[in-house]
Amino acid sequence: MSQVDWTPHPYLPEPLLYVSGLLPHVTDADLARALEHCIPFRPNIPRGGHEATLSGTIEFRSIVKGK
């Protein structure tokens, strides 16, 4: 993809997606299956507490994969 073909995404200005409301039983492997068309990506969702829902980020290698 050339620079001419690329247009910025109005809601995703960088390859970082913020997620919240994630149930604790959803694993990184579950996210990988759900986002298999967007790999590679790196989830950063702190676990280990007793929160009812989890929040964090998913970092994509490129903005194109994040779209």
PDB file of N, CA and C in Angstrom:
ATOM      1  N   MET A   1       0.853  -1.169   0.000  1.00  0.00           N
ATOM      2  CA  MET A   1       0.000   0.000   0.000  1.00  0.00           C
ATOM      3  C   MET A   1       0.900   1.233   0.000  1.00  0.00           C
ATOM      4  N   SER A   2       0.652   2.111  -0.897  1.00  0.00           N
ATOM      5  CA  SER A   2       1.462   3.326  -0.971  1.00  0.00           C
ATOM      6  C   SER A   2       0.873   4.393  -0.059  1.00  0.00           C
ATOM      7  N   GLN A   3       1.649   5.426   0.182  1.00  0.00           N
ATOM      8  CA  GLN A   3       1.179   6.531   1.018  1.00  0.00           C
ATOM      9  C   GLN A   3      -0.024   7.221   0.386  1.00  0.00           C
ATOM     10  N   VAL A   4      -0.115   7.186  -0.936  1.00  0.00           N
ATOM     11  CA  VAL A   4      -1.227   7.838  -1.628  1.00  0.00           C
ATOM     12  C   VAL A   4      -2.536   7.122  -1.322  1.00  0.00           C
ATOM     13  N   ASP A   5      -2.497   5.772  -1.186  1.00  0.00           N
ATOM     14  CA  ASP A   5      -3.695   4.988  -0.938  1.00  0.00           C
ATOM     15  C   ASP A   5      -4.150   5.040   0.512  1.00  0.00           C
ATOM     16  N   TRP A   6      -3.285   5.464   1.411  1.00  0.00           N
ATOM     17  CA  TRP A   6      -3.590   5.428   2.835  1.00  0.00           C
ATOM     18  C   TRP A   6      -4.298   6.696   3.266  1.00  0.00           C
ATOM     19  N   THR A   7      -5.415   6.516   3.977  1.00  0.00           N
ATOM     20  CA  THR A   7      -6.105   7.662   4.574  1.00  0.00           C
ATOM     21  C   THR A   7      -6.270   7.372   6.056  1.00  0.00           C
ATOM     22  N   PRO A   8      -6.141   8.370   6.892  1.00  0.00           N
ATOM     23  CA  PRO A   8      -6.260   8.141   8.332  1.00  0.00           C
ATOM     24  C   PRO A   8      -7.658   7.676   8.713  1.00  0.00           C
ATOM     25  N   HIS A   9      -7.721   6.850   9.721  1.00  0.00           N
ATOM     26  CA  HIS A   9      -8.999   6.374  10.236  1.00  0.00           C
ATOM     27  C   HIS A   9      -9.530   7.415  11.219  1.00  0.00           C
ATOM     28  N   PRO A  10     -10.812   7.755  11.152  1.00  0.00           N
ATOM     29  CA  PRO A  10     -11.329   8.830  12.013  1.00  0.00           C
ATOM     30  C   PRO A  10     -11.372   8.477  13.501  1.00  0.00           C
ATOM     31  N   TYR A  11     -11.422   7.191  13.848  1.00  0.00           N
ATOM     32  CA  TYR A  11     -11.530   6.807  15.254  1.00  0.00           C
ATOM     33  C   TYR A  11     -10.317   6.052  15.770  1.00  0.00           C
ATOM     34  N   LEU A  12      -9.415   5.679  14.895  1.00  0.00           N
ATOM     35  CA  LEU A  12      -8.243   4.900  15.288  1.00  0.00           C
ATOM     36  C   LEU A  12      -6.987   5.577  14.744  1.00  0.00           C
ATOM     37  N   PRO A  13      -6.524   6.650  15.410  1.00  0.00           N
ATOM     38  CA  PRO A  13      -5.397   7.417  14.888  1.00  0.00           C
ATOM     39  C   PRO A  13      -4.046   6.734  15.065  1.00  0.00           C
ATOM     40  N   GLU A  14      -3.965   5.723  15.909  1.00  0.00           N
ATOM     41  CA  GLU A  14      -2.733   4.965  16.107  1.00  0.00           C
ATOM     42  C   GLU A  14      -3.116   3.492  16.242  1.00  0.00           C
ATOM     43  N   PRO A  15      -2.169   2.575  16.072  1.00  0.00           N
ATOM     44  CA  PRO A  15      -2.529   1.151  16.110  1.00  0.00           C
ATOM     45  C   PRO A  15      -2.746   0.626  17.528  1.00  0.00           C
ATOM     46  N   LEU A  16      -3.567   1.316  18.288  1.00  0.00           N
ATOM     47  CA  LEU A  16      -3.835   0.957  19.673  1.00  0.00           C
ATOM     48  C   LEU A  16      -5.342   1.046  19.913  1.00  0.00           C
ATOM     49  N   LEU A  17      -5.922  -0.055  20.315  1.00  0.00           N
ATOM     50  CA  LEU A  17      -7.357  -0.121  20.561  1.00  0.00           C
ATOM     51  C   LEU A  17      -7.595  -0.278  22.059  1.00  0.00           C
ATOM     52  N   TYR A  18      -8.374   0.601  22.631  1.00  0.00           N
ATOM     53  CA  TYR A  18      -8.720   0.521  24.049  1.00  0.00           C
ATOM     54  C   TYR A  18      -9.980  -0.321  24.191  1.00  0.00           C
ATOM     55  N   VAL A  19      -9.940  -1.293  25.100  1.00  0.00           N
ATOM     56  CA  VAL A  19     -11.088  -2.158  25.334  1.00  0.00           C
ATOM     57  C   VAL A  19     -11.479  -2.077  26.807  1.00  0.00           C
ATOM     58  N   SER A  20     -12.755  -2.221  27.073  1.00  0.00           N
ATOM     59  CA  SER A  20     -13.246  -2.250  28.448  1.00  0.00           C
ATOM     60  C   SER A  20     -14.475  -3.144  28.487  1.00  0.00           C
ATOM     61  N   GLY A  21     -14.853  -3.530  29.680  1.00  0.00           N
ATOM     62  CA  GLY A  21     -16.024  -4.380  29.832  1.00  0.00           C
ATOM     63  C   GLY A  21     -15.772  -5.825  29.437  1.00  0.00           C
ATOM     64  N   LEU A  22     -14.507  -6.217  29.362  1.00  0.00           N
ATOM     65  CA  LEU A  22     -14.145  -7.574  28.986  1.00  0.00           C
ATOM     66  C   LEU A  22     -14.335  -8.493  30.188  1.00  0.00           C
ATOM     67  N   LEU A  23     -15.056  -9.568  30.000  1.00  0.00           N
ATOM     68  CA  LEU A  23     -15.294 -10.499  31.101  1.00  0.00           C
ATOM     69  C   LEU A  23     -13.998 -11.234  31.452  1.00  0.00           C
ATOM     70  N   PRO A  24     -13.767 -11.506  32.728  1.00  0.00           N
ATOM     71  CA  PRO A  24     -12.512 -12.121  33.164  1.00  0.00           C
ATOM     72  C   PRO A  24     -12.217 -13.489  32.553  1.00  0.00           C
ATOM     73  N   HIS A  25     -13.243 -14.225  32.134  1.00  0.00           N
ATOM     74  CA  HIS A  25     -12.999 -15.553  31.565  1.00  0.00           C
ATOM     75  C   HIS A  25     -12.526 -15.502  30.109  1.00  0.00           C
ATOM     76  N   VAL A  26     -12.542 -14.326  29.483  1.00  0.00           N
ATOM     77  CA  VAL A  26     -12.054 -14.183  28.103  1.00  0.00           C
ATOM     78  C   VAL A  26     -10.525 -14.139  28.147  1.00  0.00           C
ATOM     79  N   THR A  27      -9.898 -15.124  27.522  1.00  0.00           N
ATOM     80  CA  THR A  27      -8.437 -15.242  27.555  1.00  0.00           C
ATOM     81  C   THR A  27      -7.805 -14.558  26.342  1.00  0.00           C
ATOM     82  N   ASP A  28      -6.491 -14.423  26.375  1.00  0.00           N
ATOM     83  CA  ASP A  28      -5.773 -13.889  25.214  1.00  0.00           C
ATOM     84  C   ASP A  28      -5.963 -14.806  24.011  1.00  0.00           C
ATOM     85  N   ALA A  29      -6.053 -16.113  24.247  1.00  0.00           N
ATOM     86  CA  ALA A  29      -6.302 -17.061  23.151  1.00  0.00           C
ATOM     87  C   ALA A  29      -7.681 -16.814  22.530  1.00  0.00           C
ATOM     88  N   ASP A  30      -8.675 -16.491  23.357  1.00  0.00           N
ATOM     89  CA  ASP A  30     -10.006 -16.151  22.837  1.00  0.00           C
ATOM     90  C   ASP A  30      -9.934 -14.903  21.961  1.00  0.00           C
ATOM     91  N   LEU A  31      -9.166 -13.906  22.416  1.00  0.00           N
ATOM     92  CA  LEU A  31      -8.997 -12.681  21.623  1.00  0.00           C
ATOM     93  C   LEU A  31      -8.307 -12.993  20.298  1.00  0.00           C
ATOM     94  N   ALA A  32      -7.311 -13.871  20.334  1.00  0.00           N
ATOM     95  CA  ALA A  32      -6.594 -14.243  19.111  1.00  0.00           C
ATOM     96  C   ALA A  32      -7.546 -14.891  18.104  1.00  0.00           C
ATOM     97  N   ARG A  33      -8.437 -15.753  18.578  1.00  0.00           N
ATOM     98  CA  ARG A  33      -9.413 -16.375  17.672  1.00  0.00           C
ATOM     99  C   ARG A  33     -10.392 -15.330  17.132  1.00  0.00           C
ATOM    100  N   ALA A  34     -10.822 -14.417  17.976  1.00  0.00           N
ATOM    101  CA  ALA A  34     -11.792 -13.405  17.554  1.00  0.00           C
ATOM    102  C   ALA A  34     -11.182 -12.390  16.583  1.00  0.00           C
ATOM    103  N   LEU A  35      -9.885 -12.134  16.740  1.00  0.00           N
ATOM    104  CA  LEU A  35      -9.212 -11.121  15.919  1.00  0.00           C
ATOM    105  C   LEU A  35      -8.194 -11.747  14.969  1.00  0.00           C
ATOM    106  N   GLU A  36      -8.426 -12.980  14.542  1.00  0.00           N
ATOM    107  CA  GLU A  36      -7.442 -13.698  13.730  1.00  0.00           C
ATOM    108  C   GLU A  36      -7.088 -12.980  12.432  1.00  0.00           C
ATOM    109  N   HIS A  37      -7.985 -12.179  11.914  1.00  0.00           N
ATOM    110  CA  HIS A  37      -7.696 -11.451  10.672  1.00  0.00           C
ATOM    111  C   HIS A  37      -6.878 -10.184  10.924  1.00  0.00           C
ATOM    112  N   CYS A  38      -6.613  -9.884  12.178  1.00  0.00           N
ATOM    113  CA  CYS A  38      -5.865  -8.680  12.544  1.00  0.00           C
ATOM    114  C   CYS A  38      -4.477  -8.990  13.093  1.00  0.00           C
ATOM    115  N   ILE A  39      -4.090 -10.263  13.115  1.00  0.00           N
ATOM    116  CA  ILE A  39      -2.797 -10.611  13.710  1.00  0.00           C
ATOM    117  C   ILE A  39      -1.663 -10.127  12.830  1.00  0.00           C
ATOM    118  N   PRO A  40      -0.536  -9.807  13.379  1.00  0.00           N
ATOM    119  CA  PRO A  40      -0.203  -9.943  14.794  1.00  0.00           C
ATOM    120  C   PRO A  40      -0.687  -8.748  15.605  1.00  0.00           C
ATOM    121  N   PHE A  41      -0.978  -9.001  16.849  1.00  0.00           N
ATOM    122  CA  PHE A  41      -1.326  -7.950  17.794  1.00  0.00           C
ATOM    123  C   PHE A  41      -0.851  -8.370  19.173  1.00  0.00           C
ATOM    124  N   ARG A  42      -0.799  -7.402  20.078  1.00  0.00           N
ATOM    125  CA  ARG A  42      -0.326  -7.660  21.434  1.00  0.00           C
ATOM    126  C   ARG A  42      -1.378  -7.143  22.428  1.00  0.00           C
ATOM    127  N   PRO A  43      -2.071  -8.055  23.110  1.00  0.00           N
ATOM    128  CA  PRO A  43      -3.022  -7.606  24.130  1.00  0.00           C
ATOM    129  C   PRO A  43      -2.284  -7.204  25.401  1.00  0.00           C
ATOM    130  N   ASN A  44      -2.726  -6.140  26.006  1.00  0.00           N
ATOM    131  CA  ASN A  44      -2.202  -5.693  27.289  1.00  0.00           C
ATOM    132  C   ASN A  44      -3.406  -5.476  28.211  1.00  0.00           C
ATOM    133  N   ILE A  45      -3.884  -6.582  28.768  1.00  0.00           N
ATOM    134  CA  ILE A  45      -5.070  -6.553  29.614  1.00  0.00           C
ATOM    135  C   ILE A  45      -4.677  -7.119  30.975  1.00  0.00           C
ATOM    136  N   PRO A  46      -4.490  -6.250  31.960  1.00  0.00           N
ATOM    137  CA  PRO A  46      -4.091  -6.725  33.292  1.00  0.00           C
ATOM    138  C   PRO A  46      -5.125  -7.689  33.863  1.00  0.00           C
ATOM    139  N   ARG A  47      -4.622  -8.808  34.364  1.00  0.00           N
ATOM    140  CA  ARG A  47      -5.490  -9.834  34.956  1.00  0.00           C
ATOM    141  C   ARG A  47      -4.976 -10.173  36.346  1.00  0.00           C
ATOM    142  N   GLY A  48      -5.743 -10.914  37.082  1.00  0.00           N
ATOM    143  CA  GLY A  48      -5.285 -11.374  38.373  1.00  0.00           C
ATOM    144  C   GLY A  48      -6.001 -10.740  39.547  1.00  0.00           C
ATOM    145  N   GLY A  49      -6.745  -9.689  39.284  1.00  0.00           N
ATOM    146  CA  GLY A  49      -7.518  -9.067  40.361  1.00  0.00           C
ATOM    147  C   GLY A  49      -8.874  -9.732  40.470  1.00  0.00           C
ATOM    148  N   HIS A  50      -9.761  -9.088  41.169  1.00  0.00           N
ATOM    149  CA  HIS A  50     -11.100  -9.639  41.350  1.00  0.00           C
ATOM    150  C   HIS A  50     -12.155  -8.725  40.728  1.00  0.00           C
ATOM    151  N   GLU A  51     -11.763  -8.019  39.661  1.00  0.00           N
ATOM    152  CA  GLU A  51     -12.689  -7.098  39.003  1.00  0.00           C
ATOM    153  C   GLU A  51     -13.772  -7.877  38.257  1.00  0.00           C
ATOM    154  N   ALA A  52     -14.955  -7.293  38.175  1.00  0.00           N
ATOM    155  CA  ALA A  52     -16.050  -7.917  37.438  1.00  0.00           C
ATOM    156  C   ALA A  52     -15.796  -7.878  35.941  1.00  0.00           C
ATOM    157  N   THR A  53     -15.170  -6.808  35.467  1.00  0.00           N
ATOM    158  CA  THR A  53     -14.800  -6.706  34.057  1.00  0.00           C
ATOM    159  C   THR A  53     -13.382  -6.149  33.964  1.00  0.00           C
ATOM    160  N   LEU A  54     -12.750  -6.408  32.840  1.00  0.00           N
ATOM    161  CA  LEU A  54     -11.369  -5.991  32.624  1.00  0.00           C
ATOM    162  C   LEU A  54     -11.289  -4.900  31.564  1.00  0.00           C
ATOM    163  N   SER A  55     -10.234  -4.124  31.634  1.00  0.00           N
ATOM    164  CA  SER A  55      -9.969  -3.085  30.642  1.00  0.00           C
ATOM    165  C   SER A  55      -8.495  -3.144  30.284  1.00  0.00           C
ATOM    166  N   GLY A  56      -8.178  -2.687  29.093  1.00  0.00           N
ATOM    167  CA  GLY A  56      -6.788  -2.651  28.664  1.00  0.00           C
ATOM    168  C   GLY A  56      -6.684  -2.177  27.230  1.00  0.00           C
ATOM    169  N   THR A  57      -5.599  -2.565  26.595  1.00  0.00           N
ATOM    170  CA  THR A  57      -5.376  -2.163  25.207  1.00  0.00           C
ATOM    171  C   THR A  57      -4.980  -3.368  24.371  1.00  0.00           C
ATOM    172  N   ILE A  58      -5.183  -3.223  23.076  1.00  0.00           N
ATOM    173  CA  ILE A  58      -4.687  -4.183  22.097  1.00  0.00           C
ATOM    174  C   ILE A  58      -3.865  -3.370  21.113  1.00  0.00           C
ATOM    175  N   GLU A  59      -2.592  -3.703  21.022  1.00  0.00           N
ATOM    176  CA  GLU A  59      -1.672  -2.985  20.136  1.00  0.00           C
ATOM    177  C   GLU A  59      -1.472  -3.796  18.853  1.00  0.00           C
ATOM    178  N   PHE A  60      -1.726  -3.154  17.737  1.00  0.00           N
ATOM    179  CA  PHE A  60      -1.548  -3.795  16.434  1.00  0.00           C
ATOM    180  C   PHE A  60      -0.198  -3.396  15.850  1.00  0.00           C
ATOM    181  N   ARG A  61       0.326  -4.242  14.987  1.00  0.00           N
ATOM    182  CA  ARG A  61       1.621  -3.939  14.363  1.00  0.00           C
ATOM    183  C   ARG A  61       1.511  -2.719  13.455  1.00  0.00           C
ATOM    184  N   SER A  62       0.384  -2.564  12.797  1.00  0.00           N
ATOM    185  CA  SER A  62       0.222  -1.408  11.911  1.00  0.00           C
ATOM    186  C   SER A  62      -1.198  -0.889  12.013  1.00  0.00           C
ATOM    187  N   ILE A  63      -1.388   0.332  11.611  1.00  0.00           N
ATOM    188  CA  ILE A  63      -2.707   0.949  11.633  1.00  0.00           C
ATOM    189  C   ILE A  63      -3.659   0.213  10.680  1.00  0.00           C
ATOM    190  N   VAL A  64      -3.127  -0.338   9.611  1.00  0.00           N
ATOM    191  CA  VAL A  64      -3.952  -1.065   8.645  1.00  0.00           C
ATOM    192  C   VAL A  64      -4.566  -2.298   9.301  1.00  0.00           C
ATOM    193  N   LYS A  65      -3.793  -3.021  10.106  1.00  0.00           N
ATOM    194  CA  LYS A  65      -4.326  -4.201  10.810  1.00  0.00           C
ATOM    195  C   LYS A  65      -5.348  -3.784  11.867  1.00  0.00           C
ATOM    196  N   GLY A  66      -5.161  -2.642  12.467  1.00  0.00           N
ATOM    197  CA  GLY A  66      -6.082  -2.159  13.478  1.00  0.00           C
ATOM    198  C   GLY A  66      -7.428  -1.740  12.933  1.00  0.00           C
ATOM    199  N   LYS A  67      -7.455  -1.352  11.669  1.00  0.00           N
ATOM    200  CA  LYS A  67      -8.719  -0.947  11.051  1.00  0.00           C
ATOM    201  C   LYS A  67      -9.634  -2.124  10.958  1.00  0.00           C
TER     202      LYS A  67
END
